[in-house]
Amino acid sequence: MFFELIAAIVAGLAAAGGVLLLNRISGGRLPRWSMPAAAGAAIIGFTIFMEYNWFDRTTSDFPEGVEVTFTHEARAPWRPWTYLWPLVDRFSAVDLASIRTNDAVPEQRMVNLLLFARWSGPKVVPVIYDCAERRMAPLLDTVDYDESGAVAEADWGPVPDDDPTFSIVCKEA
């Protein structure tokens, strides 16, 4: 975030410098407000650019085996252009390399769910999916296991029919 602020300031200074150069070349014919207007437009333009390409920049660094399963497209009144071109401000991904199964209960699969949001750090949430009963539960400290290693007591919740994470995790079950 700090580097984006510095880059936005540099973009504003570069635009102001370009207008200053144009003003010198034109013999001072540009209006006095053109330099701060160009700097402001460059800062706003750079900020919008960074907002829109955050998702692509973040996912381009993913190692093989990490798949995006959900994206949230944001629309806001203070950014009216987002009603035409929504931007992704958060998403989730699943780390396929983290899928673990127990031979005693092969229909239950543990996986790390990766949660990303634009202005906060990534979070790793261990989750268990029961592919046979179409349910899932976060693996918190309160989860209990029985003698076979299966999750006995958990805060199970139903999984929607169109949940892409469930489809990816349970596709081989």
N, C-alpha and C. Protein backbone atom coordinates (compact mmCIF):
# COMPACT_ATOMS: atom_id res chain seq x y z
N MET A 1 0.82 -1.18 0.00
CA MET A 1 0.00 0.00 0.00
C MET A 1 0.88 1.25 0.00
N PHE A 2 1.95 1.22 0.78
CA PHE A 2 2.85 2.37 0.83
C PHE A 2 3.51 2.60 -0.53
N PHE A 3 3.91 1.51 -1.20
CA PHE A 3 4.55 1.65 -2.50
C PHE A 3 3.57 2.17 -3.55
N GLU A 4 2.30 1.80 -3.43
CA GLU A 4 1.30 2.32 -4.36
C GLU A 4 1.11 3.82 -4.15
N LEU A 5 1.17 4.27 -2.90
CA LEU A 5 1.07 5.71 -2.62
C LEU A 5 2.25 6.45 -3.25
N ILE A 6 3.44 5.92 -3.07
CA ILE A 6 4.63 6.55 -3.66
C ILE A 6 4.51 6.56 -5.19
N ALA A 7 4.06 5.45 -5.78
CA ALA A 7 3.92 5.38 -7.23
C ALA A 7 2.87 6.36 -7.73
N ALA A 8 1.78 6.56 -6.99
CA ALA A 8 0.76 7.53 -7.39
C ALA A 8 1.32 8.95 -7.35
N ILE A 9 2.10 9.25 -6.33
CA ILE A 9 2.72 10.58 -6.24
C ILE A 9 3.69 10.79 -7.39
N VAL A 10 4.48 9.77 -7.71
CA VAL A 10 5.41 9.87 -8.84
C VAL A 10 4.65 10.08 -10.14
N ALA A 11 3.52 9.39 -10.32
CA ALA A 11 2.71 9.58 -11.53
C ALA A 11 2.20 11.01 -11.61
N GLY A 12 1.77 11.56 -10.48
CA GLY A 12 1.31 12.95 -10.46
C GLY A 12 2.43 13.93 -10.78
N LEU A 13 3.60 13.69 -10.21
CA LEU A 13 4.74 14.57 -10.49
C LEU A 13 5.17 14.47 -11.95
N ALA A 14 5.13 13.26 -12.50
CA ALA A 14 5.50 13.09 -13.92
C ALA A 14 4.51 13.82 -14.82
N ALA A 15 3.23 13.73 -14.52
CA ALA A 15 2.23 14.43 -15.33
C ALA A 15 2.39 15.94 -15.21
N ALA A 16 2.64 16.42 -13.99
CA ALA A 16 2.85 17.85 -13.79
C ALA A 16 4.11 18.31 -14.53
N GLY A 17 5.15 17.49 -14.51
CA GLY A 17 6.37 17.82 -15.25
C GLY A 17 6.14 17.86 -16.74
N GLY A 18 5.33 16.93 -17.25
CA GLY A 18 5.01 16.93 -18.68
C GLY A 18 4.25 18.18 -19.09
N VAL A 19 3.30 18.61 -18.25
CA VAL A 19 2.55 19.83 -18.55
C VAL A 19 3.46 21.05 -18.43
N LEU A 20 4.36 21.05 -17.46
CA LEU A 20 5.32 22.15 -17.34
C LEU A 20 6.17 22.25 -18.59
N LEU A 21 6.62 21.12 -19.11
CA LEU A 21 7.41 21.10 -20.34
C LEU A 21 6.58 21.62 -21.52
N LEU A 22 5.34 21.15 -21.63
CA LEU A 22 4.46 21.65 -22.71
C LEU A 22 4.22 23.15 -22.59
N ASN A 23 4.09 23.63 -21.37
CA ASN A 23 3.88 25.06 -21.16
C ASN A 23 5.10 25.86 -21.59
N ARG A 24 6.29 25.34 -21.31
CA ARG A 24 7.51 26.03 -21.75
C ARG A 24 7.61 26.03 -23.27
N ILE A 25 7.29 24.88 -23.88
CA ILE A 25 7.37 24.78 -25.35
C ILE A 25 6.37 25.72 -26.00
N SER A 26 5.18 25.84 -25.40
CA SER A 26 4.13 26.69 -26.00
C SER A 26 4.30 28.16 -25.65
N GLY A 27 5.32 28.49 -24.93
CA GLY A 27 5.56 29.88 -24.59
C GLY A 27 4.65 30.38 -23.48
N GLY A 28 4.22 29.51 -22.60
CA GLY A 28 3.39 29.91 -21.46
C GLY A 28 1.93 30.09 -21.80
N ARG A 29 1.46 29.46 -22.85
CA ARG A 29 0.07 29.65 -23.29
C ARG A 29 -0.94 28.76 -22.55
N LEU A 30 -0.48 27.77 -21.82
CA LEU A 30 -1.41 26.89 -21.11
C LEU A 30 -1.96 27.60 -19.87
N PRO A 31 -3.20 27.31 -19.50
CA PRO A 31 -3.76 27.94 -18.30
C PRO A 31 -3.01 27.50 -17.04
N ARG A 32 -3.09 28.32 -16.01
CA ARG A 32 -2.34 28.05 -14.78
C ARG A 32 -2.82 26.78 -14.08
N TRP A 33 -4.07 26.42 -14.27
CA TRP A 33 -4.62 25.25 -13.59
C TRP A 33 -4.27 23.94 -14.28
N SER A 34 -3.63 23.99 -15.44
CA SER A 34 -3.38 22.75 -16.19
C SER A 34 -2.39 21.82 -15.49
N MET A 35 -1.40 22.37 -14.80
CA MET A 35 -0.42 21.52 -14.13
C MET A 35 -1.05 20.76 -12.95
N PRO A 36 -1.73 21.41 -12.01
CA PRO A 36 -2.35 20.63 -10.93
C PRO A 36 -3.47 19.71 -11.43
N ALA A 37 -4.18 20.12 -12.48
CA ALA A 37 -5.23 19.26 -13.04
C ALA A 37 -4.62 17.99 -13.63
N ALA A 38 -3.51 18.12 -14.33
CA ALA A 38 -2.84 16.95 -14.91
C ALA A 38 -2.30 16.04 -13.81
N ALA A 39 -1.74 16.64 -12.76
CA ALA A 39 -1.23 15.84 -11.65
C ALA A 39 -2.37 15.07 -10.97
N GLY A 40 -3.47 15.75 -10.72
CA GLY A 40 -4.62 15.10 -10.09
C GLY A 40 -5.20 14.00 -10.96
N ALA A 41 -5.33 14.27 -12.26
CA ALA A 41 -5.86 13.26 -13.18
C ALA A 41 -4.94 12.04 -13.24
N ALA A 42 -3.63 12.27 -13.22
CA ALA A 42 -2.68 11.15 -13.26
C ALA A 42 -2.77 10.31 -11.98
N ILE A 43 -2.90 10.96 -10.84
CA ILE A 43 -3.02 10.22 -9.58
C ILE A 43 -4.30 9.40 -9.55
N ILE A 44 -5.41 10.01 -9.95
CA ILE A 44 -6.69 9.29 -9.98
C ILE A 44 -6.63 8.15 -10.99
N GLY A 45 -6.10 8.43 -12.17
CA GLY A 45 -5.99 7.39 -13.20
C GLY A 45 -5.12 6.23 -12.75
N PHE A 46 -3.99 6.53 -12.12
CA PHE A 46 -3.10 5.48 -11.63
C PHE A 46 -3.79 4.64 -10.55
N THR A 47 -4.50 5.31 -9.66
CA THR A 47 -5.21 4.60 -8.59
C THR A 47 -6.27 3.66 -9.16
N ILE A 48 -7.03 4.14 -10.13
CA ILE A 48 -8.05 3.30 -10.76
C ILE A 48 -7.39 2.11 -11.47
N PHE A 49 -6.29 2.37 -12.16
CA PHE A 49 -5.56 1.29 -12.83
C PHE A 49 -5.11 0.23 -11.83
N MET A 50 -4.57 0.65 -10.70
CA MET A 50 -4.09 -0.30 -9.70
C MET A 50 -5.24 -1.10 -9.09
N GLU A 51 -6.40 -0.45 -8.90
CA GLU A 51 -7.57 -1.16 -8.38
C GLU A 51 -8.01 -2.25 -9.34
N TYR A 52 -8.04 -1.93 -10.62
CA TYR A 52 -8.54 -2.88 -11.60
C TYR A 52 -7.58 -4.02 -11.89
N ASN A 53 -6.29 -3.80 -11.77
CA ASN A 53 -5.38 -4.92 -12.10
C ASN A 53 -4.85 -5.63 -10.86
N TRP A 54 -5.36 -5.33 -9.68
CA TRP A 54 -4.94 -6.00 -8.45
C TRP A 54 -5.18 -7.51 -8.54
N PHE A 55 -6.34 -7.92 -8.98
CA PHE A 55 -6.67 -9.35 -9.06
C PHE A 55 -5.69 -10.07 -9.99
N ASP A 56 -5.45 -9.52 -11.17
CA ASP A 56 -4.53 -10.16 -12.12
C ASP A 56 -3.10 -10.21 -11.58
N ARG A 57 -2.66 -9.14 -10.94
CA ARG A 57 -1.31 -9.12 -10.36
C ARG A 57 -1.17 -10.15 -9.25
N THR A 58 -2.21 -10.27 -8.43
CA THR A 58 -2.16 -11.20 -7.30
C THR A 58 -2.18 -12.65 -7.77
N THR A 59 -3.06 -12.97 -8.70
CA THR A 59 -3.18 -14.37 -9.14
C THR A 59 -2.04 -14.79 -10.06
N SER A 60 -1.36 -13.85 -10.67
CA SER A 60 -0.25 -14.23 -11.56
C SER A 60 0.92 -14.83 -10.78
N ASP A 61 1.01 -14.56 -9.49
CA ASP A 61 2.09 -15.10 -8.66
C ASP A 61 1.76 -16.45 -8.04
N PHE A 62 0.57 -16.97 -8.29
CA PHE A 62 0.18 -18.24 -7.69
C PHE A 62 1.01 -19.38 -8.25
N PRO A 63 1.41 -20.30 -7.39
CA PRO A 63 2.09 -21.50 -7.90
C PRO A 63 1.10 -22.43 -8.57
N GLU A 64 1.61 -23.38 -9.32
CA GLU A 64 0.74 -24.35 -9.96
C GLU A 64 0.02 -25.16 -8.88
N GLY A 65 -1.25 -25.39 -9.08
CA GLY A 65 -2.04 -26.14 -8.11
C GLY A 65 -2.91 -25.27 -7.23
N VAL A 66 -2.85 -23.97 -7.41
CA VAL A 66 -3.75 -23.06 -6.69
C VAL A 66 -4.78 -22.55 -7.68
N GLU A 67 -6.05 -22.82 -7.40
CA GLU A 67 -7.12 -22.44 -8.32
C GLU A 67 -8.07 -21.45 -7.66
N VAL A 68 -8.40 -20.39 -8.39
CA VAL A 68 -9.37 -19.41 -7.91
C VAL A 68 -10.76 -20.03 -8.00
N THR A 69 -11.51 -19.95 -6.90
CA THR A 69 -12.83 -20.57 -6.87
C THR A 69 -13.96 -19.56 -6.74
N PHE A 70 -13.66 -18.34 -6.32
CA PHE A 70 -14.70 -17.34 -6.14
C PHE A 70 -14.10 -15.95 -6.32
N THR A 71 -14.82 -15.08 -7.01
CA THR A 71 -14.43 -13.67 -7.10
C THR A 71 -15.63 -12.81 -6.75
N HIS A 72 -15.39 -11.72 -6.06
CA HIS A 72 -16.44 -10.77 -5.71
C HIS A 72 -16.22 -9.50 -6.52
N GLU A 73 -17.20 -9.17 -7.35
CA GLU A 73 -17.12 -7.95 -8.16
C GLU A 73 -17.82 -6.82 -7.42
N ALA A 74 -17.07 -5.78 -7.13
CA ALA A 74 -17.59 -4.66 -6.34
C ALA A 74 -18.16 -3.57 -7.24
N ARG A 75 -19.26 -3.00 -6.78
CA ARG A 75 -19.86 -1.82 -7.41
C ARG A 75 -20.14 -0.84 -6.28
N ALA A 76 -19.86 0.44 -6.51
CA ALA A 76 -20.05 1.42 -5.44
C ALA A 76 -20.47 2.76 -6.01
N PRO A 77 -21.35 3.49 -5.30
CA PRO A 77 -21.80 4.79 -5.79
C PRO A 77 -20.67 5.82 -5.89
N TRP A 78 -19.66 5.72 -5.02
CA TRP A 78 -18.55 6.67 -5.08
C TRP A 78 -17.56 6.33 -6.19
N ARG A 79 -17.76 5.20 -6.83
CA ARG A 79 -17.01 4.83 -8.03
C ARG A 79 -18.04 4.45 -9.10
N PRO A 80 -18.71 5.44 -9.68
CA PRO A 80 -19.85 5.13 -10.57
C PRO A 80 -19.47 4.29 -11.79
N TRP A 81 -18.25 4.33 -12.24
CA TRP A 81 -17.83 3.53 -13.40
C TRP A 81 -17.87 2.04 -13.08
N THR A 82 -17.88 1.66 -11.80
CA THR A 82 -17.91 0.24 -11.45
C THR A 82 -19.25 -0.41 -11.77
N TYR A 83 -20.28 0.39 -12.01
CA TYR A 83 -21.56 -0.19 -12.43
C TYR A 83 -21.46 -0.70 -13.87
N LEU A 84 -20.60 -0.09 -14.66
CA LEU A 84 -20.36 -0.56 -16.02
C LEU A 84 -19.25 -1.61 -16.07
N TRP A 85 -18.18 -1.36 -15.32
CA TRP A 85 -17.03 -2.25 -15.30
C TRP A 85 -16.69 -2.57 -13.84
N PRO A 86 -17.35 -3.59 -13.27
CA PRO A 86 -17.07 -3.91 -11.86
C PRO A 86 -15.63 -4.39 -11.68
N LEU A 87 -15.11 -4.15 -10.48
CA LEU A 87 -13.75 -4.59 -10.19
C LEU A 87 -13.77 -5.66 -9.11
N VAL A 88 -12.80 -6.54 -9.15
CA VAL A 88 -12.70 -7.62 -8.16
C VAL A 88 -11.97 -7.06 -6.94
N ASP A 89 -12.65 -7.08 -5.79
CA ASP A 89 -12.02 -6.57 -4.58
C ASP A 89 -11.70 -7.67 -3.57
N ARG A 90 -12.20 -8.88 -3.80
CA ARG A 90 -11.81 -10.01 -2.96
C ARG A 90 -12.09 -11.31 -3.72
N PHE A 91 -11.37 -12.35 -3.33
CA PHE A 91 -11.56 -13.65 -3.97
C PHE A 91 -11.04 -14.74 -3.06
N SER A 92 -11.41 -15.96 -3.39
CA SER A 92 -10.89 -17.12 -2.66
C SER A 92 -10.27 -18.09 -3.65
N ALA A 93 -9.34 -18.86 -3.15
CA ALA A 93 -8.66 -19.86 -3.96
C ALA A 93 -8.44 -21.10 -3.10
N VAL A 94 -8.26 -22.21 -3.75
CA VAL A 94 -8.00 -23.46 -3.04
C VAL A 94 -6.63 -23.98 -3.46
N ASP A 95 -5.88 -24.42 -2.46
CA ASP A 95 -4.55 -24.98 -2.70
C ASP A 95 -4.70 -26.49 -2.87
N LEU A 96 -4.67 -26.95 -4.11
CA LEU A 96 -4.88 -28.37 -4.40
C LEU A 96 -3.81 -29.26 -3.77
N ALA A 97 -2.61 -28.71 -3.60
CA ALA A 97 -1.53 -29.50 -2.99
C ALA A 97 -1.79 -29.75 -1.51
N SER A 98 -2.68 -28.98 -0.90
CA SER A 98 -2.95 -29.15 0.52
C SER A 98 -4.08 -30.13 0.82
N ILE A 99 -4.70 -30.71 -0.21
CA ILE A 99 -5.81 -31.65 0.02
C ILE A 99 -5.27 -32.89 0.72
N ARG A 100 -5.90 -33.21 1.85
CA ARG A 100 -5.51 -34.38 2.64
C ARG A 100 -6.74 -35.25 2.88
N THR A 101 -6.54 -36.54 2.84
CA THR A 101 -7.63 -37.47 3.12
C THR A 101 -7.18 -38.46 4.20
N ASN A 102 -8.16 -39.10 4.79
CA ASN A 102 -7.92 -40.13 5.78
C ASN A 102 -8.45 -41.43 5.19
N ASP A 103 -7.63 -42.47 5.15
CA ASP A 103 -8.05 -43.74 4.56
C ASP A 103 -9.29 -44.31 5.24
N ALA A 104 -9.48 -44.00 6.52
CA ALA A 104 -10.64 -44.51 7.24
C ALA A 104 -11.93 -43.82 6.79
N VAL A 105 -11.83 -42.58 6.37
CA VAL A 105 -13.00 -41.82 5.89
C VAL A 105 -12.60 -41.07 4.62
N PRO A 106 -12.51 -41.77 3.49
CA PRO A 106 -12.02 -41.13 2.26
C PRO A 106 -12.95 -40.06 1.71
N GLU A 107 -14.20 -40.03 2.15
CA GLU A 107 -15.12 -39.00 1.64
C GLU A 107 -14.90 -37.64 2.30
N GLN A 108 -14.14 -37.60 3.38
CA GLN A 108 -13.82 -36.32 4.03
C GLN A 108 -12.45 -35.86 3.55
N ARG A 109 -12.40 -34.61 3.11
CA ARG A 109 -11.15 -34.06 2.59
C ARG A 109 -10.84 -32.73 3.28
N MET A 110 -9.63 -32.61 3.78
CA MET A 110 -9.17 -31.36 4.37
C MET A 110 -8.40 -30.58 3.31
N VAL A 111 -8.59 -29.27 3.32
CA VAL A 111 -7.94 -28.43 2.33
C VAL A 111 -7.71 -27.04 2.92
N ASN A 112 -6.71 -26.35 2.42
CA ASN A 112 -6.49 -24.96 2.81
C ASN A 112 -7.20 -24.04 1.83
N LEU A 113 -8.11 -23.25 2.36
CA LEU A 113 -8.81 -22.25 1.56
C LEU A 113 -8.09 -20.92 1.75
N LEU A 114 -7.71 -20.28 0.67
CA LEU A 114 -6.97 -19.02 0.71
C LEU A 114 -7.94 -17.88 0.44
N LEU A 115 -8.00 -16.92 1.36
CA LEU A 115 -8.90 -15.78 1.23
C LEU A 115 -8.08 -14.51 1.02
N PHE A 116 -8.41 -13.78 -0.03
CA PHE A 116 -7.70 -12.55 -0.38
C PHE A 116 -8.69 -11.40 -0.44
N ALA A 117 -8.29 -10.24 0.07
CA ALA A 117 -9.08 -9.01 -0.04
C ALA A 117 -8.13 -7.89 -0.40
N ARG A 118 -8.63 -6.90 -1.11
CA ARG A 118 -7.79 -5.85 -1.69
C ARG A 118 -6.93 -5.14 -0.65
N TRP A 119 -7.47 -4.74 0.47
CA TRP A 119 -6.71 -3.94 1.42
C TRP A 119 -6.39 -4.69 2.71
N SER A 120 -6.30 -6.00 2.65
CA SER A 120 -5.87 -6.77 3.81
C SER A 120 -5.02 -7.95 3.35
N GLY A 121 -4.30 -8.50 4.27
CA GLY A 121 -3.41 -9.60 3.94
C GLY A 121 -4.18 -10.89 3.67
N PRO A 122 -3.55 -11.83 2.99
CA PRO A 122 -4.21 -13.11 2.72
C PRO A 122 -4.39 -13.92 4.01
N LYS A 123 -5.44 -14.70 4.03
CA LYS A 123 -5.73 -15.56 5.18
C LYS A 123 -5.84 -17.00 4.69
N VAL A 124 -5.31 -17.92 5.46
CA VAL A 124 -5.41 -19.35 5.16
C VAL A 124 -6.38 -19.95 6.17
N VAL A 125 -7.44 -20.56 5.65
CA VAL A 125 -8.46 -21.17 6.50
C VAL A 125 -8.51 -22.67 6.19
N PRO A 126 -8.11 -23.51 7.13
CA PRO A 126 -8.26 -24.95 6.90
C PRO A 126 -9.74 -25.34 6.99
N VAL A 127 -10.19 -26.09 6.00
CA VAL A 127 -11.61 -26.46 5.90
C VAL A 127 -11.68 -27.95 5.61
N ILE A 128 -12.73 -28.58 6.12
CA ILE A 128 -12.98 -29.99 5.79
C ILE A 128 -14.28 -30.08 5.02
N TYR A 129 -14.24 -30.85 3.94
CA TYR A 129 -15.42 -31.10 3.12
C TYR A 129 -15.80 -32.56 3.27
N ASP A 130 -17.08 -32.80 3.48
CA ASP A 130 -17.62 -34.16 3.47
C ASP A 130 -18.29 -34.33 2.12
N CYS A 131 -17.60 -34.99 1.21
CA CYS A 131 -18.07 -35.11 -0.17
C CYS A 131 -19.32 -35.98 -0.27
N ALA A 132 -19.46 -36.95 0.61
CA ALA A 132 -20.62 -37.85 0.55
C ALA A 132 -21.90 -37.17 1.02
N GLU A 133 -21.79 -36.34 2.06
CA GLU A 133 -22.98 -35.69 2.61
C GLU A 133 -23.12 -34.24 2.18
N ARG A 134 -22.26 -33.78 1.31
CA ARG A 134 -22.29 -32.43 0.75
C ARG A 134 -22.38 -31.36 1.86
N ARG A 135 -21.35 -31.34 2.68
CA ARG A 135 -21.28 -30.36 3.76
C ARG A 135 -19.82 -29.99 4.00
N MET A 136 -19.62 -28.90 4.72
CA MET A 136 -18.26 -28.44 5.02
C MET A 136 -18.23 -27.80 6.39
N ALA A 137 -17.01 -27.71 6.95
CA ALA A 137 -16.82 -27.08 8.25
C ALA A 137 -15.41 -26.50 8.32
N PRO A 138 -15.28 -25.32 8.92
CA PRO A 138 -13.93 -24.80 9.15
C PRO A 138 -13.26 -25.63 10.26
N LEU A 139 -11.99 -25.87 10.10
CA LEU A 139 -11.25 -26.65 11.10
C LEU A 139 -10.70 -25.71 12.16
N LEU A 140 -11.49 -25.52 13.18
CA LEU A 140 -11.11 -24.65 14.29
C LEU A 140 -10.55 -25.49 15.43
N ASP A 141 -10.12 -24.83 16.48
CA ASP A 141 -9.59 -25.55 17.64
C ASP A 141 -10.65 -26.40 18.33
N THR A 142 -11.92 -26.09 18.09
CA THR A 142 -13.01 -26.80 18.76
C THR A 142 -13.41 -28.09 18.07
N VAL A 143 -12.77 -28.44 16.97
CA VAL A 143 -13.11 -29.65 16.22
C VAL A 143 -12.58 -30.87 16.97
N ASP A 144 -13.44 -31.88 17.09
CA ASP A 144 -13.05 -33.13 17.74
C ASP A 144 -12.98 -34.24 16.70
N TYR A 145 -12.09 -35.18 16.94
CA TYR A 145 -11.91 -36.32 16.05
C TYR A 145 -12.25 -37.60 16.81
N ASP A 146 -12.80 -38.59 16.11
CA ASP A 146 -13.06 -39.88 16.75
C ASP A 146 -11.82 -40.76 16.63
N GLU A 147 -11.93 -42.01 17.09
CA GLU A 147 -10.75 -42.90 17.11
C GLU A 147 -10.25 -43.27 15.73
N SER A 148 -11.09 -43.16 14.69
CA SER A 148 -10.64 -43.48 13.33
C SER A 148 -9.97 -42.29 12.65
N GLY A 149 -10.04 -41.12 13.29
CA GLY A 149 -9.45 -39.92 12.70
C GLY A 149 -10.45 -39.07 11.94
N ALA A 150 -11.70 -39.50 11.90
CA ALA A 150 -12.74 -38.73 11.23
C ALA A 150 -13.17 -37.57 12.12
N VAL A 151 -13.60 -36.50 11.51
CA VAL A 151 -14.09 -35.36 12.26
C VAL A 151 -15.43 -35.74 12.87
N ALA A 152 -15.51 -35.72 14.20
CA ALA A 152 -16.73 -36.13 14.89
C ALA A 152 -17.61 -34.93 15.22
N GLU A 153 -17.03 -33.94 15.85
CA GLU A 153 -17.79 -32.76 16.26
C GLU A 153 -17.21 -31.55 15.54
N ALA A 154 -18.02 -30.97 14.67
CA ALA A 154 -17.61 -29.77 13.94
C ALA A 154 -18.84 -28.95 13.64
N ASP A 155 -18.63 -27.72 13.27
CA ASP A 155 -19.74 -26.83 12.92
C ASP A 155 -20.04 -27.01 11.44
N TRP A 156 -20.68 -28.14 11.10
CA TRP A 156 -20.96 -28.48 9.71
C TRP A 156 -22.02 -27.54 9.15
N GLY A 157 -21.84 -27.20 7.88
CA GLY A 157 -22.83 -26.41 7.17
C GLY A 157 -23.05 -26.98 5.78
N PRO A 158 -24.23 -26.75 5.22
CA PRO A 158 -24.48 -27.28 3.88
C PRO A 158 -23.67 -26.53 2.83
N VAL A 159 -23.40 -27.21 1.74
CA VAL A 159 -22.67 -26.62 0.62
C VAL A 159 -23.66 -26.38 -0.52
N PRO A 160 -23.72 -25.17 -1.06
CA PRO A 160 -24.63 -24.92 -2.19
C PRO A 160 -24.30 -25.80 -3.39
N ASP A 161 -25.30 -26.06 -4.21
CA ASP A 161 -25.10 -26.92 -5.39
C ASP A 161 -24.08 -26.37 -6.37
N ASP A 162 -23.96 -25.04 -6.43
CA ASP A 162 -23.07 -24.44 -7.42
C ASP A 162 -21.73 -23.99 -6.82
N ASP A 163 -21.36 -24.53 -5.66
CA ASP A 163 -20.11 -24.13 -5.02
C ASP A 163 -18.91 -24.69 -5.78
N PRO A 164 -18.09 -23.83 -6.41
CA PRO A 164 -16.95 -24.32 -7.19
C PRO A 164 -15.86 -24.95 -6.33
N THR A 165 -15.69 -24.48 -5.09
CA THR A 165 -14.67 -25.07 -4.23
C THR A 165 -15.00 -26.52 -3.93
N PHE A 166 -16.25 -26.80 -3.61
CA PHE A 166 -16.68 -28.18 -3.36
C PHE A 166 -16.44 -29.05 -4.59
N SER A 167 -16.76 -28.52 -5.75
CA SER A 167 -16.58 -29.28 -7.00
C SER A 167 -15.11 -29.63 -7.22
N ILE A 168 -14.22 -28.69 -6.94
CA ILE A 168 -12.79 -28.92 -7.16
C ILE A 168 -12.24 -29.91 -6.13
N VAL A 169 -12.59 -29.71 -4.87
CA VAL A 169 -12.05 -30.56 -3.80
C VAL A 169 -12.59 -31.98 -3.90
N CYS A 170 -13.86 -32.13 -4.26
CA CYS A 170 -14.50 -33.45 -4.25
C CYS A 170 -14.62 -34.09 -5.62
N LYS A 171 -13.94 -33.58 -6.63
CA LYS A 171 -14.14 -34.12 -7.98
C LYS A 171 -13.66 -35.55 -8.14
N GLU A 172 -12.75 -35.99 -7.31
CA GLU A 172 -12.25 -37.36 -7.42
C GLU A 172 -12.86 -38.29 -6.38
N ALA A 173 -13.74 -37.76 -5.54
CA ALA A 173 -14.32 -38.60 -4.47
C ALA A 173 -15.48 -39.42 -4.99
